[in-house]
Structures are given as C-alpha cells and as structure tokens.
C-alpha cells in the first residue's frame, strides 16, 4: 500500500511541472495576446473559454489583477484539454 501511494505521488509530481510550463504568465500582455489568438468561437468549449477571458479582461480593467489571473488560469486550463 505504501509503495502504491508513493508511486502515485511521484507520478503526480512528475506531471505537474510539465503542465505548469505550458501556462503563460498572468500579465496584461499575455492576456491580450491570448484574447487575439483565440480567433473564432465555434464550439461550446471555446465559448466557455471566451467567457473566462472576457471576465479576466473586465477584472483587469477594474485594476483587480488577482481576479483577472483567476479567470485567465481557468481559461488556460480549458484550452489545455
């Protein structure tokens, strides 16, 4: 049992940095580039991602970078699927 748990933990740790490396930093420039790169919204998944990006843009315009980053990270996770 202990070996199984340690194996699962090591596998999770090994997968985390690879997926984290694909994530863009949460800056106004990165959010802007993602907005323009998204292109047409032609599927429900892209529509949900566009909604999160719009929320990120709204929060950023209010000066709430923490809220903007939260929505931006959600959008990035949606695009990774």
PDB file of N, CA and C in Angstrom:
ATOM      1  N   UNK A   1       0.828  -1.191   0.000  1.00  0.00           N
ATOM      2  CA  UNK A   1       0.000   0.000   0.000  1.00  0.00           C
ATOM      3  C   UNK A   1       0.872   1.253   0.000  1.00  0.00           C
ATOM      4  N   UNK A   2       1.905   1.265   0.801  1.00  0.00           N
ATOM      5  CA  UNK A   2       2.790   2.418   0.902  1.00  0.00           C
ATOM      6  C   UNK A   2       3.511   2.656  -0.429  1.00  0.00           C
ATOM      7  N   UNK A   3       3.905   1.587  -1.103  1.00  0.00           N
ATOM      8  CA  UNK A   3       4.582   1.713  -2.389  1.00  0.00           C
ATOM      9  C   UNK A   3       3.629   2.284  -3.435  1.00  0.00           C
ATOM     10  N   UNK A   4       2.378   1.840  -3.403  1.00  0.00           N
ATOM     11  CA  UNK A   4       1.390   2.340  -4.349  1.00  0.00           C
ATOM     12  C   UNK A   4       1.154   3.840  -4.161  1.00  0.00           C
ATOM     13  N   UNK A   5       1.018   4.281  -2.923  1.00  0.00           N
ATOM     14  CA  UNK A   5       0.800   5.697  -2.645  1.00  0.00           C
ATOM     15  C   UNK A   5       2.003   6.544  -3.065  1.00  0.00           C
ATOM     16  N   UNK A   6       3.195   6.047  -2.787  1.00  0.00           N
ATOM     17  CA  UNK A   6       4.382   6.810  -3.177  1.00  0.00           C
ATOM     18  C   UNK A   6       4.534   6.873  -4.691  1.00  0.00           C
ATOM     19  N   UNK A   7       4.148   5.820  -5.385  1.00  0.00           N
ATOM     20  CA  UNK A   7       4.214   5.802  -6.841  1.00  0.00           C
ATOM     21  C   UNK A   7       3.234   6.817  -7.433  1.00  0.00           C
ATOM     22  N   UNK A   8       2.029   6.851  -6.881  1.00  0.00           N
ATOM     23  CA  UNK A   8       1.026   7.800  -7.355  1.00  0.00           C
ATOM     24  C   UNK A   8       1.483   9.234  -7.084  1.00  0.00           C
ATOM     25  N   UNK A   9       2.054   9.470  -5.914  1.00  0.00           N
ATOM     26  CA  UNK A   9       2.536  10.799  -5.564  1.00  0.00           C
ATOM     27  C   UNK A   9       3.663  11.238  -6.500  1.00  0.00           C
ATOM     28  N   UNK A  10       4.590  10.363  -6.779  1.00  0.00           N
ATOM     29  CA  UNK A  10       5.692  10.691  -7.685  1.00  0.00           C
ATOM     30  C   UNK A  10       5.192  10.956  -9.103  1.00  0.00           C
ATOM     31  N   UNK A  11       4.217  10.195  -9.543  1.00  0.00           N
ATOM     32  CA  UNK A  11       3.657  10.404 -10.877  1.00  0.00           C
ATOM     33  C   UNK A  11       2.963  11.762 -10.961  1.00  0.00           C
ATOM     34  N   UNK A  12       2.258  12.130  -9.901  1.00  0.00           N
ATOM     35  CA  UNK A  12       1.575  13.431  -9.887  1.00  0.00           C
ATOM     36  C   UNK A  12       2.585  14.574  -9.883  1.00  0.00           C
ATOM     37  N   UNK A  13       3.637  14.431  -9.126  1.00  0.00           N
ATOM     38  CA  UNK A  13       4.665  15.470  -9.084  1.00  0.00           C
ATOM     39  C   UNK A  13       5.409  15.585 -10.399  1.00  0.00           C
ATOM     40  N   UNK A  14       5.613  14.475 -11.061  1.00  0.00           N
ATOM     41  CA  UNK A  14       6.319  14.496 -12.340  1.00  0.00           C
ATOM     42  C   UNK A  14       5.473  15.151 -13.421  1.00  0.00           C
ATOM     43  N   UNK A  15       4.158  14.990 -13.353  1.00  0.00           N
ATOM     44  CA  UNK A  15       3.272  15.571 -14.362  1.00  0.00           C
ATOM     45  C   UNK A  15       3.035  17.056 -14.132  1.00  0.00           C
ATOM     46  N   UNK A  16       3.129  17.521 -12.929  1.00  0.00           N
ATOM     47  CA  UNK A  16       2.813  18.917 -12.616  1.00  0.00           C
ATOM     48  C   UNK A  16       3.721  19.931 -13.304  1.00  0.00           C
ATOM     49  N   UNK A  17       5.044  19.801 -13.236  1.00  0.00           N
ATOM     50  CA  UNK A  17       5.884  20.833 -13.861  1.00  0.00           C
ATOM     51  C   UNK A  17       5.706  20.923 -15.372  1.00  0.00           C
ATOM     52  N   UNK A  18       5.435  19.800 -16.021  1.00  0.00           N
ATOM     53  CA  UNK A  18       5.268  19.823 -17.469  1.00  0.00           C
ATOM     54  C   UNK A  18       4.033  20.621 -17.852  1.00  0.00           C
ATOM     55  N   UNK A  19       2.944  20.427 -17.132  1.00  0.00           N
ATOM     56  CA  UNK A  19       1.737  21.176 -17.455  1.00  0.00           C
ATOM     57  C   UNK A  19       1.873  22.624 -17.014  1.00  0.00           C
ATOM     58  N   UNK A  20       2.600  22.867 -15.953  1.00  0.00           N
ATOM     59  CA  UNK A  20       2.795  24.243 -15.485  1.00  0.00           C
ATOM     60  C   UNK A  20       3.680  25.029 -16.448  1.00  0.00           C
ATOM     61  N   UNK A  21       4.578  24.352 -17.140  1.00  0.00           N
ATOM     62  CA  UNK A  21       5.463  25.036 -18.073  1.00  0.00           C
ATOM     63  C   UNK A  21       4.694  25.572 -19.280  1.00  0.00           C
ATOM     64  N   UNK A  22       3.583  24.953 -19.625  1.00  0.00           N
ATOM     65  CA  UNK A  22       2.789  25.390 -20.761  1.00  0.00           C
ATOM     66  C   UNK A  22       1.949  26.621 -20.436  1.00  0.00           C
ATOM     67  N   UNK A  23       1.725  26.890 -19.165  1.00  0.00           N
ATOM     68  CA  UNK A  23       0.900  28.014 -18.754  1.00  0.00           C
ATOM     69  C   UNK A  23       1.656  29.320 -18.985  1.00  0.00           C
ATOM     70  N   UNK A  24       0.963  30.300 -19.500  1.00  0.00           N
ATOM     71  CA  UNK A  24       1.541  31.618 -19.720  1.00  0.00           C
ATOM     72  C   UNK A  24       1.491  32.410 -18.420  1.00  0.00           C
ATOM     73  N   UNK A  25       2.406  33.342 -18.233  1.00  0.00           N
ATOM     74  CA  UNK A  25       2.360  34.166 -17.028  1.00  0.00           C
ATOM     75  C   UNK A  25       1.126  35.064 -17.052  1.00  0.00           C
ATOM     76  N   UNK A  26       0.674  35.420 -15.889  1.00  0.00           N
ATOM     77  CA  UNK A  26      -0.524  36.250 -15.780  1.00  0.00           C
ATOM     78  C   UNK A  26      -0.127  37.722 -15.812  1.00  0.00           C
ATOM     79  N   UNK A  27      -0.009  38.247 -17.021  1.00  0.00           N
ATOM     80  CA  UNK A  27       0.293  39.662 -17.210  1.00  0.00           C
ATOM     81  C   UNK A  27      -0.717  40.228 -18.187  1.00  0.00           C
ATOM     82  N   UNK A  28      -0.830  41.521 -18.206  1.00  0.00           N
ATOM     83  CA  UNK A  28      -1.747  42.157 -19.142  1.00  0.00           C
ATOM     84  C   UNK A  28      -1.401  41.849 -20.585  1.00  0.00           C
ATOM     85  N   UNK A  29      -0.113  41.782 -20.868  1.00  0.00           N
ATOM     86  CA  UNK A  29       0.338  41.476 -22.231  1.00  0.00           C
ATOM     87  C   UNK A  29      -0.058  40.053 -22.636  1.00  0.00           C
ATOM     88  N   UNK A  30       0.134  39.094 -21.736  1.00  0.00           N
ATOM     89  CA  UNK A  30      -0.198  37.698 -22.042  1.00  0.00           C
ATOM     90  C   UNK A  30      -1.706  37.526 -22.220  1.00  0.00           C
ATOM     91  N   UNK A  31      -2.489  38.211 -21.390  1.00  0.00           N
ATOM     92  CA  UNK A  31      -3.946  38.124 -21.519  1.00  0.00           C
ATOM     93  C   UNK A  31      -4.386  38.723 -22.850  1.00  0.00           C
ATOM     94  N   UNK A  32      -3.792  39.844 -23.231  1.00  0.00           N
ATOM     95  CA  UNK A  32      -4.117  40.467 -24.515  1.00  0.00           C
ATOM     96  C   UNK A  32      -3.772  39.580 -25.696  1.00  0.00           C
ATOM     97  N   UNK A  33      -2.601  38.952 -25.642  1.00  0.00           N
ATOM     98  CA  UNK A  33      -2.199  38.047 -26.723  1.00  0.00           C
ATOM     99  C   UNK A  33      -3.143  36.851 -26.813  1.00  0.00           C
ATOM    100  N   UNK A  34      -3.560  36.326 -25.677  1.00  0.00           N
ATOM    101  CA  UNK A  34      -4.479  35.189 -25.680  1.00  0.00           C
ATOM    102  C   UNK A  34      -5.832  35.575 -26.255  1.00  0.00           C
ATOM    103  N   UNK A  35      -6.282  36.794 -25.957  1.00  0.00           N
ATOM    104  CA  UNK A  35      -7.563  37.268 -26.496  1.00  0.00           C
ATOM    105  C   UNK A  35      -7.521  37.338 -28.020  1.00  0.00           C
ATOM    106  N   UNK A  36      -6.423  37.858 -28.566  1.00  0.00           N
ATOM    107  CA  UNK A  36      -6.332  37.986 -30.022  1.00  0.00           C
ATOM    108  C   UNK A  36      -6.057  36.641 -30.690  1.00  0.00           C
ATOM    109  N   UNK A  37      -5.367  35.749 -30.017  1.00  0.00           N
ATOM    110  CA  UNK A  37      -5.029  34.454 -30.609  1.00  0.00           C
ATOM    111  C   UNK A  37      -6.197  33.476 -30.584  1.00  0.00           C
ATOM    112  N   UNK A  38      -7.203  33.762 -29.796  1.00  0.00           N
ATOM    113  CA  UNK A  38      -8.308  32.819 -29.649  1.00  0.00           C
ATOM    114  C   UNK A  38      -9.066  32.627 -30.960  1.00  0.00           C
ATOM    115  N   UNK A  39      -9.210  33.650 -31.750  1.00  0.00           N
ATOM    116  CA  UNK A  39      -9.874  33.520 -33.043  1.00  0.00           C
ATOM    117  C   UNK A  39     -11.372  33.390 -32.905  1.00  0.00           C
ATOM    118  N   UNK A  40     -11.969  32.627 -33.815  1.00  0.00           N
ATOM    119  CA  UNK A  40     -13.421  32.482 -33.817  1.00  0.00           C
ATOM    120  C   UNK A  40     -13.878  31.529 -32.730  1.00  0.00           C
ATOM    121  N   UNK A  41     -15.040  31.823 -32.196  1.00  0.00           N
ATOM    122  CA  UNK A  41     -15.635  30.991 -31.154  1.00  0.00           C
ATOM    123  C   UNK A  41     -16.652  30.098 -31.846  1.00  0.00           C
ATOM    124  N   UNK A  42     -16.244  28.866 -32.163  1.00  0.00           N
ATOM    125  CA  UNK A  42     -17.092  27.983 -32.951  1.00  0.00           C
ATOM    126  C   UNK A  42     -17.516  26.710 -32.232  1.00  0.00           C
ATOM    127  N   UNK A  43     -17.251  26.619 -30.934  1.00  0.00           N
ATOM    128  CA  UNK A  43     -17.661  25.440 -30.178  1.00  0.00           C
ATOM    129  C   UNK A  43     -18.025  25.860 -28.752  1.00  0.00           C
ATOM    130  N   UNK A  44     -18.784  25.028 -28.059  1.00  0.00           N
ATOM    131  CA  UNK A  44     -19.134  25.368 -26.673  1.00  0.00           C
ATOM    132  C   UNK A  44     -17.911  25.509 -25.763  1.00  0.00           C
ATOM    133  N   UNK A  45     -16.876  24.727 -26.014  1.00  0.00           N
ATOM    134  CA  UNK A  45     -15.665  24.821 -25.196  1.00  0.00           C
ATOM    135  C   UNK A  45     -14.967  26.164 -25.408  1.00  0.00           C
ATOM    136  N   UNK A  46     -14.887  26.591 -26.675  1.00  0.00           N
ATOM    137  CA  UNK A  46     -14.281  27.887 -26.959  1.00  0.00           C
ATOM    138  C   UNK A  46     -15.148  29.026 -26.425  1.00  0.00           C
ATOM    139  N   UNK A  47     -16.453  28.819 -26.416  1.00  0.00           N
ATOM    140  CA  UNK A  47     -17.352  29.839 -25.889  1.00  0.00           C
ATOM    141  C   UNK A  47     -17.134  30.023 -24.391  1.00  0.00           C
ATOM    142  N   UNK A  48     -16.966  28.918 -23.669  1.00  0.00           N
ATOM    143  CA  UNK A  48     -16.697  28.993 -22.232  1.00  0.00           C
ATOM    144  C   UNK A  48     -15.341  29.651 -21.975  1.00  0.00           C
ATOM    145  N   UNK A  49     -14.364  29.322 -22.801  1.00  0.00           N
ATOM    146  CA  UNK A  49     -13.041  29.922 -22.664  1.00  0.00           C
ATOM    147  C   UNK A  49     -13.101  31.423 -22.953  1.00  0.00           C
ATOM    148  N   UNK A  50     -13.868  31.812 -23.963  1.00  0.00           N
ATOM    149  CA  UNK A  50     -14.011  33.228 -24.300  1.00  0.00           C
ATOM    150  C   UNK A  50     -14.691  33.984 -23.161  1.00  0.00           C
ATOM    151  N   UNK A  51     -15.629  33.337 -22.505  1.00  0.00           N
ATOM    152  CA  UNK A  51     -16.315  33.968 -21.381  1.00  0.00           C
ATOM    153  C   UNK A  51     -15.340  34.217 -20.227  1.00  0.00           C
ATOM    154  N   UNK A  52     -14.479  33.251 -19.951  1.00  0.00           N
ATOM    155  CA  UNK A  52     -13.470  33.423 -18.900  1.00  0.00           C
ATOM    156  C   UNK A  52     -12.477  34.516 -19.268  1.00  0.00           C
ATOM    157  N   UNK A  53     -12.089  34.580 -20.541  1.00  0.00           N
ATOM    158  CA  UNK A  53     -11.159  35.615 -20.981  1.00  0.00           C
ATOM    159  C   UNK A  53     -11.806  36.996 -20.885  1.00  0.00           C
ATOM    160  N   UNK A  54     -13.098  37.080 -21.189  1.00  0.00           N
ATOM    161  CA  UNK A  54     -13.804  38.349 -21.057  1.00  0.00           C
ATOM    162  C   UNK A  54     -13.868  38.771 -19.590  1.00  0.00           C
ATOM    163  N   UNK A  55     -14.090  37.816 -18.715  1.00  0.00           N
ATOM    164  CA  UNK A  55     -14.105  38.110 -17.278  1.00  0.00           C
ATOM    165  C   UNK A  55     -12.729  38.568 -16.811  1.00  0.00           C
ATOM    166  N   UNK A  56     -11.692  37.939 -17.337  1.00  0.00           N
ATOM    167  CA  UNK A  56     -10.323  38.348 -16.992  1.00  0.00           C
ATOM    168  C   UNK A  56     -10.064  39.778 -17.454  1.00  0.00           C
ATOM    169  N   UNK A  57     -10.515  40.101 -18.657  1.00  0.00           N
ATOM    170  CA  UNK A  57     -10.341  41.443 -19.191  1.00  0.00           C
ATOM    171  C   UNK A  57     -11.098  42.475 -18.354  1.00  0.00           C
ATOM    172  N   UNK A  58     -12.301  42.133 -17.931  1.00  0.00           N
ATOM    173  CA  UNK A  58     -13.106  43.025 -17.104  1.00  0.00           C
ATOM    174  C   UNK A  58     -12.420  43.287 -15.769  1.00  0.00           C
ATOM    175  N   UNK A  59     -11.944  42.211 -15.134  1.00  0.00           N
ATOM    176  CA  UNK A  59     -11.276  42.356 -13.838  1.00  0.00           C
ATOM    177  C   UNK A  59      -9.992  43.168 -13.967  1.00  0.00           C
ATOM    178  N   UNK A  60      -9.277  42.959 -15.067  1.00  0.00           N
ATOM    179  CA  UNK A  60      -8.031  43.694 -15.270  1.00  0.00           C
ATOM    180  C   UNK A  60      -8.319  45.185 -15.464  1.00  0.00           C
ATOM    181  N   UNK A  61      -9.403  45.505 -16.155  1.00  0.00           N
ATOM    182  CA  UNK A  61      -9.739  46.913 -16.367  1.00  0.00           C
ATOM    183  C   UNK A  61     -10.176  47.589 -15.068  1.00  0.00           C
ATOM    184  N   UNK A  62     -10.666  46.805 -14.115  1.00  0.00           N
ATOM    185  CA  UNK A  62     -11.027  47.343 -12.803  1.00  0.00           C
ATOM    186  C   UNK A  62      -9.810  47.504 -11.900  1.00  0.00           C
ATOM    187  N   UNK A  63      -8.680  46.948 -12.323  1.00  0.00           N
ATOM    188  CA  UNK A  63      -7.466  47.012 -11.513  1.00  0.00           C
ATOM    189  C   UNK A  63      -7.319  45.822 -10.581  1.00  0.00           C
ATOM    190  N   UNK A  64      -8.136  44.807 -10.750  1.00  0.00           N
ATOM    191  CA  UNK A  64      -8.105  43.612  -9.906  1.00  0.00           C
ATOM    192  C   UNK A  64      -7.320  42.512 -10.620  1.00  0.00           C
ATOM    193  N   UNK A  65      -5.997  42.560 -10.537  1.00  0.00           N
ATOM    194  CA  UNK A  65      -5.166  41.570 -11.224  1.00  0.00           C
ATOM    195  C   UNK A  65      -5.338  40.179 -10.638  1.00  0.00           C
ATOM    196  N   UNK A  66      -5.626  40.080  -9.353  1.00  0.00           N
ATOM    197  CA  UNK A  66      -5.826  38.765  -8.748  1.00  0.00           C
ATOM    198  C   UNK A  66      -7.046  38.077  -9.372  1.00  0.00           C
ATOM    199  N   UNK A  67      -8.134  38.810  -9.511  1.00  0.00           N
ATOM    200  CA  UNK A  67      -9.330  38.254 -10.148  1.00  0.00           C
ATOM    201  C   UNK A  67      -9.096  37.951 -11.613  1.00  0.00           C
ATOM    202  N   UNK A  68      -8.344  38.834 -12.281  1.00  0.00           N
ATOM    203  CA  UNK A  68      -8.041  38.612 -13.692  1.00  0.00           C
ATOM    204  C   UNK A  68      -7.222  37.346 -13.871  1.00  0.00           C
ATOM    205  N   UNK A  69      -6.237  37.145 -13.012  1.00  0.00           N
ATOM    206  CA  UNK A  69      -5.396  35.943 -13.104  1.00  0.00           C
ATOM    207  C   UNK A  69      -6.215  34.682 -12.843  1.00  0.00           C
ATOM    208  N   UNK A  70      -7.146  34.774 -11.938  1.00  0.00           N
ATOM    209  CA  UNK A  70      -8.009  33.621 -11.623  1.00  0.00           C
ATOM    210  C   UNK A  70      -8.791  33.192 -12.865  1.00  0.00           C
ATOM    211  N   UNK A  71      -9.399  34.154 -13.558  1.00  0.00           N
ATOM    212  CA  UNK A  71     -10.159  33.830 -14.769  1.00  0.00           C
ATOM    213  C   UNK A  71      -9.231  33.392 -15.901  1.00  0.00           C
ATOM    214  N   UNK A  72      -8.072  34.018 -15.994  1.00  0.00           N
ATOM    215  CA  UNK A  72      -7.116  33.674 -17.042  1.00  0.00           C
ATOM    216  C   UNK A  72      -6.607  32.241 -16.882  1.00  0.00           C
ATOM    217  N   UNK A  73      -6.332  31.839 -15.656  1.00  0.00           N
ATOM    218  CA  UNK A  73      -5.860  30.476 -15.410  1.00  0.00           C
ATOM    219  C   UNK A  73      -6.950  29.452 -15.730  1.00  0.00           C
ATOM    220  N   UNK A  74      -8.203  29.799 -15.432  1.00  0.00           N
ATOM    221  CA  UNK A  74      -9.304  28.903 -15.795  1.00  0.00           C
ATOM    222  C   UNK A  74      -9.381  28.729 -17.301  1.00  0.00           C
ATOM    223  N   UNK A  75      -9.229  29.826 -18.023  1.00  0.00           N
ATOM    224  CA  UNK A  75      -9.270  29.758 -19.477  1.00  0.00           C
ATOM    225  C   UNK A  75      -8.127  28.929 -20.040  1.00  0.00           C
ATOM    226  N   UNK A  76      -6.949  29.072 -19.451  1.00  0.00           N
ATOM    227  CA  UNK A  76      -5.799  28.282 -19.916  1.00  0.00           C
ATOM    228  C   UNK A  76      -6.008  26.799 -19.650  1.00  0.00           C
ATOM    229  N   UNK A  77      -6.591  26.476 -18.510  1.00  0.00           N
ATOM    230  CA  UNK A  77      -6.864  25.066 -18.211  1.00  0.00           C
ATOM    231  C   UNK A  77      -7.891  24.497 -19.187  1.00  0.00           C
ATOM    232  N   UNK A  78      -8.868  25.313 -19.579  1.00  0.00           N
ATOM    233  CA  UNK A  78      -9.872  24.851 -20.550  1.00  0.00           C
ATOM    234  C   UNK A  78      -9.228  24.597 -21.913  1.00  0.00           C
ATOM    235  N   UNK A  79      -8.278  25.431 -22.299  1.00  0.00           N
ATOM    236  CA  UNK A  79      -7.655  25.268 -23.607  1.00  0.00           C
ATOM    237  C   UNK A  79      -6.699  24.091 -23.650  1.00  0.00           C
ATOM    238  N   UNK A  80      -6.221  23.656 -22.487  1.00  0.00           N
ATOM    239  CA  UNK A  80      -5.273  22.545 -22.437  1.00  0.00           C
ATOM    240  C   UNK A  80      -5.967  21.203 -22.625  1.00  0.00           C
ATOM    241  N   UNK A  81      -7.254  21.163 -22.471  1.00  0.00           N
ATOM    242  CA  UNK A  81      -7.988  19.880 -22.585  1.00  0.00           C
ATOM    243  C   UNK A  81      -8.183  19.465 -24.001  1.00  0.00           C
TER     244      UNK A  81
END
